[in-house]
Amino acid sequence: MKVYGKTLSIIVPCYNEEESVPLFYAETKKQEAFFHEKDIELEFVFVDDGSKDRTVEAVKKLHEQDGRVHLVSFSRNFGKEAAIIAGLEKASGDFTVLMDADLQDPPAILPEMYGYIEQGYDSVATRRVDRKGEPPIRSFFARRFYGLMRKISKTEIVDGARDYRLMTRQMVNSILELKEYNRYSPSSLSSLPSTHAVMMLKSCAFSARYFSDNELDVVTVSICPPQYQLHAGL
């Protein structure tokens, strides 16, 4: 078995995604040949955020087939931001990408994103440029949410900013040094001193539940750090 010089860690927060997990894995593996040509191996880190379905079993099945698949499982639901941080702590790669399990973050653009890393960028972020196909009520509240946050926050939060982001190890280490207990990834990651590139995405599927979690994370403050217990770690 060939040993590659570097590793790309793919962090995938999951909540009730038993049907999406194998589809996501299969679609993302299609980019494997490109990265192998770059002497980069793939590593999958699925973070189960207290799912009530068989998401954990789906990931374990993949792990049996592919030792590069890893699992972090929470004892209950803590929200997407906690899942992202747990994934970053687990990831061992020279590069790391955050992706949603439901394929609203298209794996097909990973080679293009990596091209910016090769140009010297520390972080390649994505932004949704249209909301075609999205329920009107969600579009309404999304725009109001971003407008409100721009008014009350010193950090500019761009409408349509996604968690889908490819980063260098230096960037990941900087994120893990942050001490905030409640985070909102699009704003906290963009505020770090680093070089950023932004790619635009067309409309795609949406996860309303995680959007609501993010809203609450921004406007609430906890006096205690989020404590999570791991059911399993592969």
Protein backbone atom coordinates (compact mmCIF):
# COMPACT_ATOMS: atom_id res chain seq x y z
CA MET A 1 0.00 0.00 0.00
CA LYS A 2 1.42 3.35 -1.03
CA VAL A 3 2.24 5.87 1.67
CA TYR A 4 1.44 9.45 0.70
CA GLY A 5 3.41 12.45 1.85
CA LYS A 6 0.50 14.54 3.11
CA THR A 7 -3.07 14.09 4.31
CA LEU A 8 -6.35 15.92 3.72
CA SER A 9 -8.76 15.54 6.65
CA ILE A 10 -12.43 15.77 5.65
CA ILE A 11 -14.55 16.77 8.66
CA VAL A 12 -18.23 15.91 8.38
CA PRO A 13 -20.64 16.95 11.17
CA CYS A 14 -23.68 14.64 11.13
CA TYR A 15 -27.14 14.74 12.66
CA ASN A 16 -29.54 12.01 11.52
CA GLU A 17 -27.62 11.41 8.30
CA GLU A 18 -27.65 7.61 8.01
CA GLU A 19 -28.79 7.77 4.38
CA SER A 20 -26.42 10.59 3.44
CA VAL A 21 -23.23 9.14 4.95
CA PRO A 22 -22.58 6.41 2.32
CA LEU A 23 -23.57 8.75 -0.51
CA PHE A 24 -21.26 11.47 0.76
CA TYR A 25 -18.39 9.00 1.12
CA ALA A 26 -18.89 7.66 -2.41
CA GLU A 27 -19.11 11.12 -3.99
CA THR A 28 -16.08 12.46 -2.13
CA LYS A 29 -13.97 9.42 -3.00
CA LYS A 30 -14.35 10.43 -6.66
CA GLN A 31 -11.80 13.17 -5.93
CA GLU A 32 -9.31 10.65 -4.53
CA ALA A 33 -7.36 10.24 -7.78
CA PHE A 34 -6.74 13.99 -8.03
CA PHE A 35 -5.31 14.19 -4.53
CA HIS A 36 -3.25 11.03 -4.91
CA GLU A 37 -1.59 12.66 -7.90
CA LYS A 38 -0.72 15.52 -5.53
CA ASP A 39 0.76 12.96 -3.08
CA ILE A 40 -2.12 13.58 -0.65
CA GLU A 41 -4.11 10.87 1.12
CA LEU A 42 -7.70 11.36 2.28
CA GLU A 43 -8.91 10.98 5.87
CA PHE A 44 -12.63 11.06 6.76
CA VAL A 45 -13.69 12.31 10.22
CA PHE A 46 -17.41 11.93 10.76
CA VAL A 47 -18.69 13.66 13.92
CA ASP A 48 -22.06 12.33 15.06
CA ASP A 49 -23.91 15.07 16.93
CA GLY A 50 -26.22 12.86 18.99
CA SER A 51 -28.16 11.42 16.05
CA LYS A 52 -31.37 9.51 16.79
CA ASP A 53 -31.11 7.31 13.71
CA ARG A 54 -28.39 4.85 12.64
CA THR A 55 -25.78 7.40 11.57
CA VAL A 56 -23.18 5.88 13.91
CA GLU A 57 -23.76 2.41 12.48
CA ALA A 58 -23.44 3.77 8.94
CA VAL A 59 -20.04 5.32 9.74
CA LYS A 60 -18.85 2.18 11.53
CA LYS A 61 -19.74 0.15 8.44
CA LEU A 62 -17.60 2.45 6.31
CA HIS A 63 -14.76 2.15 8.83
CA GLU A 64 -14.83 -1.63 8.43
CA GLN A 65 -14.34 -1.15 4.69
CA ASP A 66 -11.87 1.74 4.86
CA GLY A 67 -9.55 2.36 7.81
CA ARG A 68 -9.25 6.02 6.80
CA VAL A 69 -12.80 6.59 8.05
CA HIS A 70 -12.95 7.78 11.68
CA LEU A 71 -15.87 8.46 14.01
CA VAL A 72 -16.39 10.87 16.87
CA SER A 73 -19.78 10.36 18.53
CA PHE A 74 -21.41 12.69 21.06
CA SER A 75 -23.54 11.37 23.93
CA ARG A 76 -26.25 13.89 22.96
CA ASN A 77 -26.83 16.77 20.56
CA PHE A 78 -24.49 19.74 21.18
CA GLY A 79 -24.89 21.60 17.88
CA LYS A 80 -22.85 21.94 14.73
CA GLU A 81 -20.22 24.31 16.13
CA ALA A 82 -19.24 21.80 18.84
CA ALA A 83 -19.11 19.08 16.19
CA ILE A 84 -16.79 21.18 14.02
CA ILE A 85 -14.37 21.81 16.89
CA ALA A 86 -14.36 18.12 17.86
CA GLY A 87 -13.58 17.26 14.25
CA LEU A 88 -10.74 19.76 14.08
CA GLU A 89 -9.27 18.30 17.26
CA LYS A 90 -9.49 14.78 15.83
CA ALA A 91 -8.13 15.64 12.37
CA SER A 92 -4.47 14.87 11.73
CA GLY A 93 -4.17 16.21 8.19
CA ASP A 94 -1.79 18.76 6.69
CA PHE A 95 -4.98 20.21 5.18
CA THR A 96 -8.54 20.14 6.52
CA VAL A 97 -11.89 20.75 4.87
CA LEU A 98 -15.29 21.22 6.57
CA MET A 99 -18.22 19.69 4.66
CA ASP A 100 -21.90 18.86 5.24
CA ALA A 101 -22.96 15.23 4.95
CA ASP A 102 -26.02 15.98 2.80
CA LEU A 103 -23.87 17.01 -0.19
CA GLN A 104 -24.96 20.63 -0.17
CA ASP A 105 -21.19 21.24 -0.26
CA PRO A 106 -20.18 19.74 -3.64
CA PRO A 107 -17.06 17.54 -3.40
CA ALA A 108 -16.44 18.16 -7.12
CA ILE A 109 -14.96 21.60 -6.42
CA LEU A 110 -12.35 20.32 -3.95
CA PRO A 111 -9.60 20.25 -6.64
CA GLU A 112 -10.33 23.87 -7.52
CA MET A 113 -10.28 24.84 -3.85
CA TYR A 114 -6.93 23.09 -3.40
CA GLY A 115 -5.59 25.08 -6.33
CA TYR A 116 -5.90 28.22 -4.21
CA ILE A 117 -4.01 26.53 -1.38
CA GLU A 118 -1.21 25.81 -3.84
CA GLN A 119 -1.15 29.53 -4.64
CA GLY A 120 -0.33 30.24 -1.01
CA TYR A 121 -3.72 30.85 0.61
CA ASP A 122 -4.30 29.58 4.17
CA SER A 123 -8.06 29.28 3.79
CA VAL A 124 -10.42 28.81 0.86
CA ALA A 125 -14.00 29.61 1.83
CA THR A 126 -17.27 29.29 -0.09
CA ARG A 127 -20.29 31.55 -0.36
CA ARG A 128 -23.77 30.83 -1.71
CA VAL A 129 -24.57 33.43 -4.38
CA ASP A 130 -28.23 32.63 -4.96
CA ARG A 131 -31.09 31.01 -3.07
CA LYS A 132 -32.88 29.40 -5.99
CA GLY A 133 -35.09 26.54 -4.83
CA GLU A 134 -34.99 27.65 -1.19
CA PRO A 135 -38.34 28.09 0.63
CA PRO A 136 -39.26 31.83 0.59
CA ILE A 137 -39.78 31.93 4.35
CA ARG A 138 -36.24 30.66 4.93
CA SER A 139 -34.78 33.18 2.49
CA PHE A 140 -36.63 35.96 4.32
CA PHE A 141 -35.33 35.00 7.76
CA ALA A 142 -31.83 34.28 6.43
CA ARG A 143 -31.49 37.79 5.02
CA ARG A 144 -32.92 39.31 8.21
CA PHE A 145 -30.49 37.25 10.28
CA TYR A 146 -27.42 38.40 8.35
CA GLY A 147 -28.66 41.99 8.38
CA LEU A 148 -29.15 41.93 12.15
CA MET A 149 -25.75 40.37 12.80
CA ARG A 150 -23.99 43.00 10.68
CA LYS A 151 -25.60 45.67 12.85
CA ILE A 152 -24.73 44.19 16.26
CA SER A 153 -21.38 42.57 15.45
CA LYS A 154 -18.01 44.19 14.81
CA THR A 155 -17.13 41.32 12.50
CA GLU A 156 -18.63 41.48 9.01
CA ILE A 157 -20.79 38.42 8.39
CA VAL A 158 -21.39 37.91 4.69
CA ASP A 159 -24.81 36.75 3.50
CA GLY A 160 -24.53 33.22 2.16
CA ALA A 161 -21.23 32.37 3.88
CA ARG A 162 -20.80 28.61 4.21
CA ASP A 163 -18.88 26.38 6.59
CA TYR A 164 -17.46 24.63 3.50
CA ARG A 165 -13.83 25.67 3.84
CA LEU A 166 -10.43 24.18 3.01
CA MET A 167 -7.62 25.16 5.38
CA THR A 168 -3.94 24.59 6.02
CA ARG A 169 -2.68 23.04 9.25
CA GLN A 170 -1.48 26.48 10.36
CA MET A 171 -5.04 27.80 10.04
CA VAL A 172 -6.51 24.85 11.95
CA ASN A 173 -4.01 25.25 14.78
CA SER A 174 -4.94 28.93 15.04
CA ILE A 175 -8.64 28.06 15.30
CA LEU A 176 -7.98 25.56 18.07
CA GLU A 177 -6.15 28.24 20.04
CA LEU A 178 -9.32 30.35 20.21
CA LYS A 179 -10.96 30.18 23.64
CA GLU A 180 -14.55 31.10 22.79
CA TYR A 181 -17.12 28.66 24.10
CA ASN A 182 -19.88 29.73 21.69
CA ARG A 183 -18.72 30.21 18.12
CA TYR A 184 -20.17 30.94 14.73
CA SER A 185 -17.80 29.50 12.15
CA PRO A 186 -18.22 31.90 9.18
CA SER A 187 -17.39 34.90 11.38
CA SER A 188 -14.83 33.41 13.76
CA LEU A 189 -12.79 31.79 10.98
CA SER A 190 -12.81 34.92 8.84
CA SER A 191 -11.52 37.03 11.72
CA LEU A 192 -8.24 35.10 11.96
CA PRO A 193 -5.11 36.76 10.53
CA SER A 194 -4.57 34.69 7.39
CA THR A 195 -4.85 34.84 3.62
CA HIS A 196 -8.33 33.96 2.36
CA ALA A 197 -9.82 33.08 -1.00
CA VAL A 198 -13.58 32.91 -1.55
CA MET A 199 -15.38 30.71 -4.09
CA MET A 200 -19.00 31.27 -5.11
CA LEU A 201 -21.58 28.44 -5.07
CA LYS A 202 -24.86 28.16 -6.91
CA SER A 203 -28.02 27.19 -5.03
CA CYS A 204 -28.04 23.82 -3.32
CA ALA A 205 -29.83 21.86 -0.60
CA PHE A 206 -30.20 23.36 2.85
CA SER A 207 -30.22 22.22 6.46
CA ALA A 208 -32.66 24.42 8.37
CA ARG A 209 -31.90 22.79 11.69
CA TYR A 210 -28.23 23.67 11.71
CA PHE A 211 -29.02 27.18 10.53
CA SER A 212 -31.16 27.63 13.65
CA ASP A 213 -28.35 26.31 15.85
CA ASN A 214 -25.96 28.86 14.35
CA GLU A 215 -28.37 31.71 15.01
CA LEU A 216 -28.59 30.78 18.67
CA ASP A 217 -24.82 30.37 18.99
CA VAL A 218 -24.27 33.94 17.83
CA VAL A 219 -26.74 35.72 20.09
CA THR A 220 -26.45 33.69 23.30
CA VAL A 221 -23.62 33.42 25.82
CA SER A 222 -22.91 30.43 28.01
CA ILE A 223 -21.12 30.75 31.34
CA CYS A 224 -19.93 27.16 31.08
CA PRO A 225 -17.84 25.52 28.35
CA PRO A 226 -19.65 22.91 26.26
CA GLN A 227 -18.80 19.52 27.72
CA TYR A 228 -19.31 16.52 25.50
CA GLN A 229 -18.82 12.84 26.11
CA LEU A 230 -17.72 10.55 23.32
CA HIS A 231 -19.59 7.29 22.80
CA ALA A 232 -16.93 6.03 20.41
CA GLY A 233 -13.82 7.05 18.56
CA LEU A 234 -12.55 5.18 15.52
